[in-house]
Amino acid sequence: MRNTSVQTLLASGLRILTAFSFLAPLMTRLVFGHAFYLTGRGKWMNFDNTVNFFSQLGIPFPDANAAFIASLEMIGGLLLIVGLGTRLVSGLLAATMVVALLTADRQGFVEALGSDLTGITPVVYLLALVWLVLYGAGRLSLDTILGRKIFQAQEKRMPPGNNHPLGVHST
């Protein structure tokens, strides 16, 4: 009888955790989306400084790259916040974090390789972005809402008897 109550308690706990699982991608998107929006906006507001910084780092075409990165961070941050194009945007922003590690944060990155990488902000951002690329936006996102709408529209267009989303017959 005691095992049954422990199992019931564990099952209830698991159901509660599952019910709140949408919070992990949502909070990740909100926090990192907001941070990227602010850094992108900051780059635009201090565009000359951004271009000079990119020039000092030896980044080719510093004007074009500064405009691209500022736009990607600002617009990408907003897209992360609402959960639209999350995997693609996270992948693009993750690529910018790799570039940041190899240029702007290179010294700190090399020094930290033998110790604690979590002290380097681009590493933390990179890990969160890779997680979003692999996991997706989560249930509370425009990606999920639009995905459902697209799936429903495709389902309506399929001939009767063939309701598999990939058109595969199960005979």
N, C-alpha and C. Protein backbone atom coordinates (compact mmCIF):
# COMPACT_ATOMS: atom_id res chain seq x y z
N MET A 1 0.82 -1.19 0.00
CA MET A 1 0.00 0.00 0.00
C MET A 1 0.86 1.26 0.00
N ARG A 2 1.98 1.21 0.69
CA ARG A 2 2.86 2.36 0.76
C ARG A 2 3.47 2.68 -0.61
N ASN A 3 3.84 1.64 -1.36
CA ASN A 3 4.39 1.84 -2.70
C ASN A 3 3.40 2.55 -3.60
N THR A 4 2.12 2.20 -3.46
CA THR A 4 1.09 2.81 -4.29
C THR A 4 1.00 4.30 -4.01
N SER A 5 1.07 4.72 -2.76
CA SER A 5 0.97 6.15 -2.45
C SER A 5 2.20 6.91 -2.94
N VAL A 6 3.38 6.30 -2.87
CA VAL A 6 4.60 6.92 -3.39
C VAL A 6 4.50 7.04 -4.90
N GLN A 7 4.01 5.98 -5.55
CA GLN A 7 3.86 6.02 -7.01
C GLN A 7 2.84 7.08 -7.43
N THR A 8 1.76 7.18 -6.68
CA THR A 8 0.74 8.18 -6.97
C THR A 8 1.31 9.58 -6.80
N LEU A 9 2.06 9.79 -5.73
CA LEU A 9 2.68 11.08 -5.49
C LEU A 9 3.67 11.43 -6.60
N LEU A 10 4.49 10.47 -7.01
CA LEU A 10 5.45 10.70 -8.09
C LEU A 10 4.74 11.00 -9.41
N ALA A 11 3.69 10.25 -9.68
CA ALA A 11 2.93 10.47 -10.92
C ALA A 11 2.29 11.86 -10.91
N SER A 12 1.76 12.28 -9.76
CA SER A 12 1.17 13.61 -9.65
C SER A 12 2.23 14.69 -9.86
N GLY A 13 3.40 14.49 -9.26
CA GLY A 13 4.49 15.44 -9.43
C GLY A 13 4.92 15.55 -10.87
N LEU A 14 4.99 14.41 -11.55
CA LEU A 14 5.38 14.40 -12.96
C LEU A 14 4.34 15.12 -13.82
N ARG A 15 3.06 14.92 -13.51
CA ARG A 15 2.00 15.62 -14.26
C ARG A 15 2.10 17.13 -14.06
N ILE A 16 2.41 17.55 -12.84
CA ILE A 16 2.54 18.99 -12.56
C ILE A 16 3.73 19.56 -13.32
N LEU A 17 4.86 18.85 -13.28
CA LEU A 17 6.05 19.32 -14.01
C LEU A 17 5.78 19.39 -15.51
N THR A 18 5.09 18.40 -16.03
CA THR A 18 4.77 18.37 -17.45
C THR A 18 3.86 19.54 -17.81
N ALA A 19 2.91 19.85 -16.94
CA ALA A 19 1.99 20.96 -17.20
C ALA A 19 2.74 22.29 -17.29
N PHE A 20 3.84 22.42 -16.57
CA PHE A 20 4.60 23.67 -16.59
C PHE A 20 5.82 23.61 -17.51
N SER A 21 5.94 22.57 -18.31
CA SER A 21 7.12 22.43 -19.18
C SER A 21 7.20 23.52 -20.25
N PHE A 22 6.08 24.16 -20.55
CA PHE A 22 6.09 25.23 -21.54
C PHE A 22 6.89 26.44 -21.06
N LEU A 23 7.12 26.54 -19.75
CA LEU A 23 7.82 27.69 -19.20
C LEU A 23 9.29 27.75 -19.60
N ALA A 24 9.94 26.60 -19.75
CA ALA A 24 11.38 26.61 -20.07
C ALA A 24 11.67 27.31 -21.39
N PRO A 25 11.06 26.90 -22.51
CA PRO A 25 11.35 27.63 -23.75
C PRO A 25 10.80 29.05 -23.73
N LEU A 26 9.66 29.25 -23.08
CA LEU A 26 9.08 30.60 -23.03
C LEU A 26 10.02 31.56 -22.30
N MET A 27 10.48 31.19 -21.13
CA MET A 27 11.36 32.07 -20.36
C MET A 27 12.69 32.27 -21.08
N THR A 28 13.22 31.22 -21.70
CA THR A 28 14.47 31.34 -22.45
C THR A 28 14.29 32.33 -23.59
N ARG A 29 13.19 32.19 -24.33
CA ARG A 29 12.93 33.11 -25.45
C ARG A 29 12.76 34.54 -24.97
N LEU A 30 12.01 34.74 -23.88
CA LEU A 30 11.76 36.10 -23.39
C LEU A 30 13.04 36.77 -22.90
N VAL A 31 13.82 36.05 -22.11
CA VAL A 31 15.04 36.64 -21.54
C VAL A 31 16.08 36.92 -22.62
N PHE A 32 16.36 35.92 -23.45
CA PHE A 32 17.40 36.10 -24.47
C PHE A 32 16.90 36.98 -25.60
N GLY A 33 15.61 36.90 -25.94
CA GLY A 33 15.06 37.78 -26.96
C GLY A 33 15.16 39.23 -26.55
N HIS A 34 14.82 39.51 -25.30
CA HIS A 34 14.92 40.89 -24.79
C HIS A 34 16.37 41.36 -24.79
N ALA A 35 17.27 40.50 -24.35
CA ALA A 35 18.70 40.87 -24.31
C ALA A 35 19.21 41.17 -25.72
N PHE A 36 18.86 40.33 -26.69
CA PHE A 36 19.32 40.56 -28.07
C PHE A 36 18.68 41.83 -28.64
N TYR A 37 17.41 42.05 -28.36
CA TYR A 37 16.76 43.27 -28.83
C TYR A 37 17.53 44.50 -28.32
N LEU A 38 17.84 44.50 -27.03
CA LEU A 38 18.54 45.65 -26.44
C LEU A 38 19.94 45.83 -27.02
N THR A 39 20.68 44.73 -27.22
CA THR A 39 22.03 44.89 -27.78
C THR A 39 21.97 45.34 -29.23
N GLY A 40 21.01 44.83 -29.99
CA GLY A 40 20.85 45.28 -31.38
C GLY A 40 20.48 46.74 -31.46
N ARG A 41 19.55 47.15 -30.60
CA ARG A 41 19.15 48.56 -30.56
C ARG A 41 20.33 49.44 -30.13
N GLY A 42 21.10 48.96 -29.18
CA GLY A 42 22.29 49.69 -28.74
C GLY A 42 23.31 49.85 -29.85
N LYS A 43 23.47 48.80 -30.64
CA LYS A 43 24.40 48.89 -31.78
C LYS A 43 23.93 49.94 -32.78
N TRP A 44 22.61 50.00 -33.04
CA TRP A 44 22.08 50.99 -33.96
C TRP A 44 22.20 52.40 -33.39
N MET A 45 21.95 52.54 -32.10
CA MET A 45 21.99 53.87 -31.48
C MET A 45 23.42 54.41 -31.42
N ASN A 46 24.40 53.54 -31.42
CA ASN A 46 25.81 53.92 -31.39
C ASN A 46 26.52 53.31 -32.60
N PHE A 47 25.92 53.51 -33.75
CA PHE A 47 26.37 52.81 -34.95
C PHE A 47 27.84 53.08 -35.28
N ASP A 48 28.27 54.34 -35.17
CA ASP A 48 29.67 54.66 -35.48
C ASP A 48 30.63 53.90 -34.56
N ASN A 49 30.28 53.80 -33.28
CA ASN A 49 31.11 53.04 -32.33
C ASN A 49 31.12 51.56 -32.69
N THR A 50 29.97 51.04 -33.11
CA THR A 50 29.88 49.64 -33.50
C THR A 50 30.77 49.37 -34.71
N VAL A 51 30.71 50.24 -35.69
CA VAL A 51 31.55 50.08 -36.90
C VAL A 51 33.02 50.15 -36.52
N ASN A 52 33.39 51.11 -35.68
CA ASN A 52 34.79 51.21 -35.24
C ASN A 52 35.24 49.96 -34.50
N PHE A 53 34.38 49.44 -33.64
CA PHE A 53 34.70 48.22 -32.89
C PHE A 53 34.90 47.05 -33.85
N PHE A 54 34.00 46.90 -34.82
CA PHE A 54 34.12 45.82 -35.80
C PHE A 54 35.41 45.99 -36.61
N SER A 55 35.77 47.23 -36.93
CA SER A 55 37.02 47.50 -37.67
C SER A 55 38.22 47.07 -36.84
N GLN A 56 38.23 47.43 -35.55
CA GLN A 56 39.34 47.07 -34.66
C GLN A 56 39.48 45.55 -34.53
N LEU A 57 38.38 44.83 -34.61
CA LEU A 57 38.41 43.37 -34.52
C LEU A 57 38.86 42.72 -35.82
N GLY A 58 38.95 43.52 -36.87
CA GLY A 58 39.36 42.98 -38.17
C GLY A 58 38.23 42.30 -38.92
N ILE A 59 37.00 42.61 -38.56
CA ILE A 59 35.84 42.04 -39.25
C ILE A 59 35.72 42.73 -40.60
N PRO A 60 35.66 41.95 -41.69
CA PRO A 60 35.58 42.57 -43.03
C PRO A 60 34.26 43.32 -43.22
N PHE A 61 34.30 44.33 -44.08
CA PHE A 61 33.13 45.16 -44.37
C PHE A 61 32.42 45.58 -43.08
N PRO A 62 33.12 46.29 -42.20
CA PRO A 62 32.56 46.58 -40.88
C PRO A 62 31.23 47.33 -40.91
N ASP A 63 31.03 48.23 -41.88
CA ASP A 63 29.75 48.95 -41.97
C ASP A 63 28.60 47.99 -42.24
N ALA A 64 28.77 47.14 -43.26
CA ALA A 64 27.72 46.19 -43.65
C ALA A 64 27.49 45.16 -42.54
N ASN A 65 28.57 44.65 -41.97
CA ASN A 65 28.42 43.65 -40.91
C ASN A 65 27.79 44.24 -39.67
N ALA A 66 28.14 45.47 -39.32
CA ALA A 66 27.54 46.12 -38.15
C ALA A 66 26.03 46.31 -38.36
N ALA A 67 25.65 46.74 -39.56
CA ALA A 67 24.22 46.91 -39.86
C ALA A 67 23.49 45.57 -39.83
N PHE A 68 24.12 44.54 -40.40
CA PHE A 68 23.50 43.21 -40.42
C PHE A 68 23.33 42.67 -39.01
N ILE A 69 24.38 42.72 -38.20
CA ILE A 69 24.33 42.17 -36.85
C ILE A 69 23.37 42.96 -35.97
N ALA A 70 23.40 44.28 -36.07
CA ALA A 70 22.48 45.11 -35.28
C ALA A 70 21.03 44.77 -35.63
N SER A 71 20.76 44.64 -36.93
CA SER A 71 19.40 44.29 -37.37
C SER A 71 19.01 42.89 -36.93
N LEU A 72 19.92 41.94 -37.12
CA LEU A 72 19.65 40.55 -36.72
C LEU A 72 19.34 40.47 -35.22
N GLU A 73 20.15 41.15 -34.42
CA GLU A 73 19.94 41.10 -32.97
C GLU A 73 18.62 41.77 -32.58
N MET A 74 18.33 42.91 -33.16
CA MET A 74 17.12 43.64 -32.80
C MET A 74 15.86 42.92 -33.28
N ILE A 75 15.82 42.60 -34.56
CA ILE A 75 14.64 41.92 -35.12
C ILE A 75 14.57 40.49 -34.62
N GLY A 76 15.72 39.81 -34.58
CA GLY A 76 15.75 38.43 -34.06
C GLY A 76 15.31 38.37 -32.62
N GLY A 77 15.69 39.36 -31.83
CA GLY A 77 15.24 39.40 -30.43
C GLY A 77 13.73 39.50 -30.33
N LEU A 78 13.14 40.37 -31.15
CA LEU A 78 11.68 40.50 -31.15
C LEU A 78 11.01 39.21 -31.60
N LEU A 79 11.59 38.56 -32.63
CA LEU A 79 11.02 37.30 -33.10
C LEU A 79 11.11 36.21 -32.04
N LEU A 80 12.21 36.18 -31.29
CA LEU A 80 12.32 35.21 -30.19
C LEU A 80 11.26 35.48 -29.13
N ILE A 81 11.04 36.73 -28.82
CA ILE A 81 10.06 37.08 -27.79
C ILE A 81 8.68 36.53 -28.14
N VAL A 82 8.26 36.70 -29.39
CA VAL A 82 6.93 36.20 -29.79
C VAL A 82 6.96 34.74 -30.22
N GLY A 83 8.15 34.18 -30.39
CA GLY A 83 8.25 32.77 -30.77
C GLY A 83 7.94 32.52 -32.23
N LEU A 84 8.47 33.34 -33.10
CA LEU A 84 8.25 33.18 -34.54
C LEU A 84 9.58 32.93 -35.24
N GLY A 85 9.69 31.82 -35.94
CA GLY A 85 10.93 31.47 -36.61
C GLY A 85 12.04 31.14 -35.62
N THR A 86 11.66 30.61 -34.48
CA THR A 86 12.58 30.43 -33.35
C THR A 86 13.82 29.63 -33.70
N ARG A 87 13.66 28.50 -34.38
CA ARG A 87 14.82 27.66 -34.69
C ARG A 87 15.78 28.38 -35.63
N LEU A 88 15.25 29.00 -36.66
CA LEU A 88 16.09 29.71 -37.63
C LEU A 88 16.77 30.91 -36.97
N VAL A 89 16.01 31.72 -36.27
CA VAL A 89 16.56 32.91 -35.61
C VAL A 89 17.61 32.51 -34.58
N SER A 90 17.31 31.48 -33.79
CA SER A 90 18.28 31.02 -32.79
C SER A 90 19.56 30.53 -33.45
N GLY A 91 19.43 29.85 -34.58
CA GLY A 91 20.61 29.40 -35.30
C GLY A 91 21.46 30.55 -35.80
N LEU A 92 20.80 31.58 -36.34
CA LEU A 92 21.54 32.76 -36.82
C LEU A 92 22.21 33.50 -35.67
N LEU A 93 21.49 33.67 -34.57
CA LEU A 93 22.07 34.35 -33.42
C LEU A 93 23.18 33.52 -32.79
N ALA A 94 23.04 32.20 -32.82
CA ALA A 94 24.11 31.32 -32.30
C ALA A 94 25.38 31.51 -33.13
N ALA A 95 25.21 31.67 -34.44
CA ALA A 95 26.37 31.91 -35.30
C ALA A 95 27.06 33.22 -34.92
N THR A 96 26.29 34.23 -34.55
CA THR A 96 26.91 35.49 -34.13
C THR A 96 27.67 35.31 -32.82
N MET A 97 27.19 34.41 -31.97
CA MET A 97 27.89 34.16 -30.70
C MET A 97 29.21 33.44 -30.95
N VAL A 98 29.25 32.57 -31.94
CA VAL A 98 30.50 31.90 -32.30
C VAL A 98 31.50 32.94 -32.80
N VAL A 99 31.03 33.85 -33.65
CA VAL A 99 31.91 34.91 -34.15
C VAL A 99 32.39 35.78 -32.98
N ALA A 100 31.49 36.10 -32.05
CA ALA A 100 31.88 36.91 -30.89
C ALA A 100 32.95 36.20 -30.07
N LEU A 101 32.81 34.87 -29.90
CA LEU A 101 33.81 34.11 -29.15
C LEU A 101 35.17 34.11 -29.86
N LEU A 102 35.14 34.12 -31.18
CA LEU A 102 36.39 34.06 -31.94
C LEU A 102 37.01 35.43 -32.18
N THR A 103 36.25 36.50 -31.90
CA THR A 103 36.79 37.85 -32.14
C THR A 103 36.78 38.67 -30.86
N ALA A 104 35.65 39.25 -30.52
CA ALA A 104 35.56 40.19 -29.40
C ALA A 104 35.91 39.56 -28.06
N ASP A 105 35.52 38.31 -27.83
CA ASP A 105 35.76 37.66 -26.54
C ASP A 105 36.85 36.59 -26.63
N ARG A 106 37.68 36.66 -27.64
CA ARG A 106 38.69 35.63 -27.87
C ARG A 106 39.62 35.45 -26.67
N GLN A 107 40.15 36.55 -26.12
CA GLN A 107 41.08 36.46 -25.00
C GLN A 107 40.44 35.77 -23.80
N GLY A 108 39.25 36.22 -23.43
CA GLY A 108 38.55 35.61 -22.31
C GLY A 108 38.21 34.16 -22.57
N PHE A 109 37.85 33.84 -23.81
CA PHE A 109 37.50 32.48 -24.19
C PHE A 109 38.71 31.56 -24.07
N VAL A 110 39.85 32.00 -24.60
CA VAL A 110 41.07 31.20 -24.53
C VAL A 110 41.50 30.98 -23.07
N GLU A 111 41.42 32.03 -22.27
CA GLU A 111 41.78 31.91 -20.86
C GLU A 111 40.83 30.98 -20.11
N ALA A 112 39.57 31.00 -20.46
CA ALA A 112 38.57 30.21 -19.75
C ALA A 112 38.52 28.75 -20.20
N LEU A 113 39.16 28.44 -21.33
CA LEU A 113 39.09 27.06 -21.83
C LEU A 113 39.53 26.03 -20.78
N GLY A 114 40.50 26.40 -19.98
CA GLY A 114 40.98 25.47 -18.97
C GLY A 114 40.22 25.55 -17.67
N SER A 115 39.24 26.47 -17.58
CA SER A 115 38.52 26.61 -16.31
C SER A 115 37.02 26.65 -16.52
N ASP A 116 36.40 27.77 -16.22
CA ASP A 116 34.94 27.89 -16.19
C ASP A 116 34.43 28.70 -17.38
N LEU A 117 33.83 28.03 -18.36
CA LEU A 117 33.33 28.71 -19.56
C LEU A 117 32.06 29.51 -19.30
N THR A 118 31.35 29.22 -18.21
CA THR A 118 30.08 29.90 -17.98
C THR A 118 30.25 31.37 -17.66
N GLY A 119 31.47 31.81 -17.35
CA GLY A 119 31.71 33.22 -17.08
C GLY A 119 31.76 34.05 -18.34
N ILE A 120 31.74 33.42 -19.48
CA ILE A 120 31.80 34.13 -20.76
C ILE A 120 30.38 34.21 -21.31
N THR A 121 29.85 35.41 -21.39
CA THR A 121 28.47 35.62 -21.80
C THR A 121 28.14 34.96 -23.14
N PRO A 122 28.96 35.10 -24.19
CA PRO A 122 28.59 34.45 -25.45
C PRO A 122 28.45 32.93 -25.34
N VAL A 123 29.18 32.29 -24.44
CA VAL A 123 29.03 30.84 -24.27
C VAL A 123 27.66 30.53 -23.70
N VAL A 124 27.24 31.30 -22.72
CA VAL A 124 25.93 31.09 -22.12
C VAL A 124 24.84 31.33 -23.16
N TYR A 125 24.97 32.41 -23.91
CA TYR A 125 24.00 32.70 -24.97
C TYR A 125 24.00 31.58 -26.02
N LEU A 126 25.18 31.15 -26.41
CA LEU A 126 25.30 30.10 -27.42
C LEU A 126 24.59 28.83 -26.96
N LEU A 127 24.80 28.43 -25.73
CA LEU A 127 24.16 27.21 -25.21
C LEU A 127 22.64 27.34 -25.21
N ALA A 128 22.13 28.49 -24.78
CA ALA A 128 20.68 28.70 -24.77
C ALA A 128 20.12 28.70 -26.19
N LEU A 129 20.84 29.31 -27.12
CA LEU A 129 20.37 29.36 -28.50
C LEU A 129 20.39 27.99 -29.16
N VAL A 130 21.42 27.22 -28.90
CA VAL A 130 21.48 25.85 -29.44
C VAL A 130 20.32 25.04 -28.89
N TRP A 131 20.03 25.22 -27.60
CA TRP A 131 18.90 24.53 -26.99
C TRP A 131 17.60 24.90 -27.71
N LEU A 132 17.40 26.19 -28.01
CA LEU A 132 16.19 26.61 -28.73
C LEU A 132 16.15 26.06 -30.15
N VAL A 133 17.32 25.98 -30.80
CA VAL A 133 17.36 25.40 -32.15
C VAL A 133 16.87 23.95 -32.09
N LEU A 134 17.34 23.20 -31.10
CA LEU A 134 17.00 21.79 -31.00
C LEU A 134 15.60 21.55 -30.43
N TYR A 135 15.19 22.34 -29.45
CA TYR A 135 13.92 22.14 -28.76
C TYR A 135 12.77 22.86 -29.45
N GLY A 136 13.03 24.03 -29.98
CA GLY A 136 11.97 24.81 -30.61
C GLY A 136 11.40 25.84 -29.65
N ALA A 137 10.37 26.51 -30.10
CA ALA A 137 9.80 27.64 -29.37
C ALA A 137 8.92 27.22 -28.19
N GLY A 138 8.43 26.00 -28.19
CA GLY A 138 7.53 25.56 -27.14
C GLY A 138 6.07 25.83 -27.50
N ARG A 139 5.18 25.41 -26.61
CA ARG A 139 3.74 25.49 -26.88
C ARG A 139 3.21 26.91 -26.97
N LEU A 140 3.75 27.81 -26.16
CA LEU A 140 3.23 29.16 -26.12
C LEU A 140 4.07 30.06 -27.04
N SER A 141 3.82 29.91 -28.36
CA SER A 141 4.60 30.65 -29.36
C SER A 141 3.80 30.77 -30.65
N LEU A 142 4.19 31.73 -31.45
CA LEU A 142 3.56 31.86 -32.77
C LEU A 142 3.94 30.69 -33.67
N ASP A 143 5.15 30.14 -33.49
CA ASP A 143 5.55 28.96 -34.27
C ASP A 143 4.52 27.84 -34.10
N THR A 144 4.13 27.57 -32.86
CA THR A 144 3.18 26.49 -32.58
C THR A 144 1.80 26.82 -33.12
N ILE A 145 1.35 28.04 -32.91
CA ILE A 145 0.02 28.45 -33.39
C ILE A 145 -0.05 28.36 -34.91
N LEU A 146 0.95 28.92 -35.59
CA LEU A 146 0.96 28.88 -37.06
C LEU A 146 1.12 27.44 -37.56
N GLY A 147 1.93 26.65 -36.88
CA GLY A 147 2.11 25.25 -37.26
C GLY A 147 0.80 24.49 -37.21
N ARG A 148 0.01 24.72 -36.18
CA ARG A 148 -1.30 24.06 -36.07
C ARG A 148 -2.22 24.49 -37.20
N LYS A 149 -2.23 25.80 -37.48
CA LYS A 149 -3.09 26.32 -38.56
C LYS A 149 -2.70 25.72 -39.91
N ILE A 150 -1.41 25.65 -40.17
CA ILE A 150 -0.93 25.09 -41.43
C ILE A 150 -1.29 23.61 -41.52
N PHE A 151 -1.10 22.87 -40.42
CA PHE A 151 -1.44 21.44 -40.40
C PHE A 151 -2.93 21.24 -40.64
N GLN A 152 -3.77 22.06 -40.01
CA GLN A 152 -5.22 21.94 -40.20
C GLN A 152 -5.61 22.26 -41.64
N ALA A 153 -4.98 23.26 -42.23
CA ALA A 153 -5.28 23.62 -43.62
C ALA A 153 -4.87 22.50 -44.57
N GLN A 154 -3.72 21.87 -44.29
CA GLN A 154 -3.28 20.76 -45.14
C GLN A 154 -4.20 19.57 -44.97
N GLU A 155 -4.66 19.34 -43.76
CA GLU A 155 -5.56 18.21 -43.49
C GLU A 155 -6.87 18.36 -44.25
N LYS A 156 -7.37 19.60 -44.36
CA LYS A 156 -8.62 19.85 -45.07
C LYS A 156 -8.48 19.60 -46.57
N ARG A 157 -7.28 19.81 -47.11
CA ARG A 157 -7.05 19.64 -48.56
C ARG A 157 -6.80 18.20 -48.95
N MET A 158 -6.57 17.31 -47.98
CA MET A 158 -6.25 15.92 -48.31
C MET A 158 -7.52 15.17 -48.69
N PRO A 159 -7.39 14.23 -49.63
CA PRO A 159 -8.56 13.42 -50.01
C PRO A 159 -9.00 12.54 -48.83
N PRO A 160 -10.27 12.16 -48.79
CA PRO A 160 -10.77 11.31 -47.70
C PRO A 160 -9.97 10.01 -47.60
N GLY A 161 -9.76 9.58 -46.39
CA GLY A 161 -9.04 8.32 -46.16
C GLY A 161 -7.53 8.48 -46.10
N ASN A 162 -7.01 9.64 -46.44
CA ASN A 162 -5.56 9.87 -46.40
C ASN A 162 -5.31 11.06 -45.48
N ASN A 163 -5.35 10.80 -44.18
CA ASN A 163 -5.19 11.91 -43.25
C ASN A 163 -3.84 11.92 -42.55
N HIS A 164 -2.87 11.25 -43.09
CA HIS A 164 -1.52 11.29 -42.53
C HIS A 164 -0.86 12.57 -43.01
N PRO A 165 -0.19 13.32 -42.10
CA PRO A 165 0.38 14.62 -42.49
C PRO A 165 1.41 14.55 -43.61
N LEU A 166 2.03 13.40 -43.78
CA LEU A 166 3.03 13.26 -44.84
C LEU A 166 2.47 12.54 -46.06
N GLY A 167 1.18 12.26 -46.03
CA GLY A 167 0.55 11.60 -47.17
C GLY A 167 0.86 10.12 -47.26
N VAL A 168 1.33 9.52 -46.18
CA VAL A 168 1.69 8.10 -46.17
C VAL A 168 0.47 7.29 -45.84
N HIS A 169 0.22 6.27 -46.63
CA HIS A 169 -0.91 5.37 -46.36
C HIS A 169 -0.48 4.32 -45.36
N SER A 170 -1.32 4.07 -44.38
CA SER A 170 -1.00 3.04 -43.39
C SER A 170 -1.87 1.82 -43.63
N THR A 171 -1.45 0.98 -44.55
CA THR A 171 -2.20 -0.23 -44.89
C THR A 171 -1.45 -1.46 -44.50
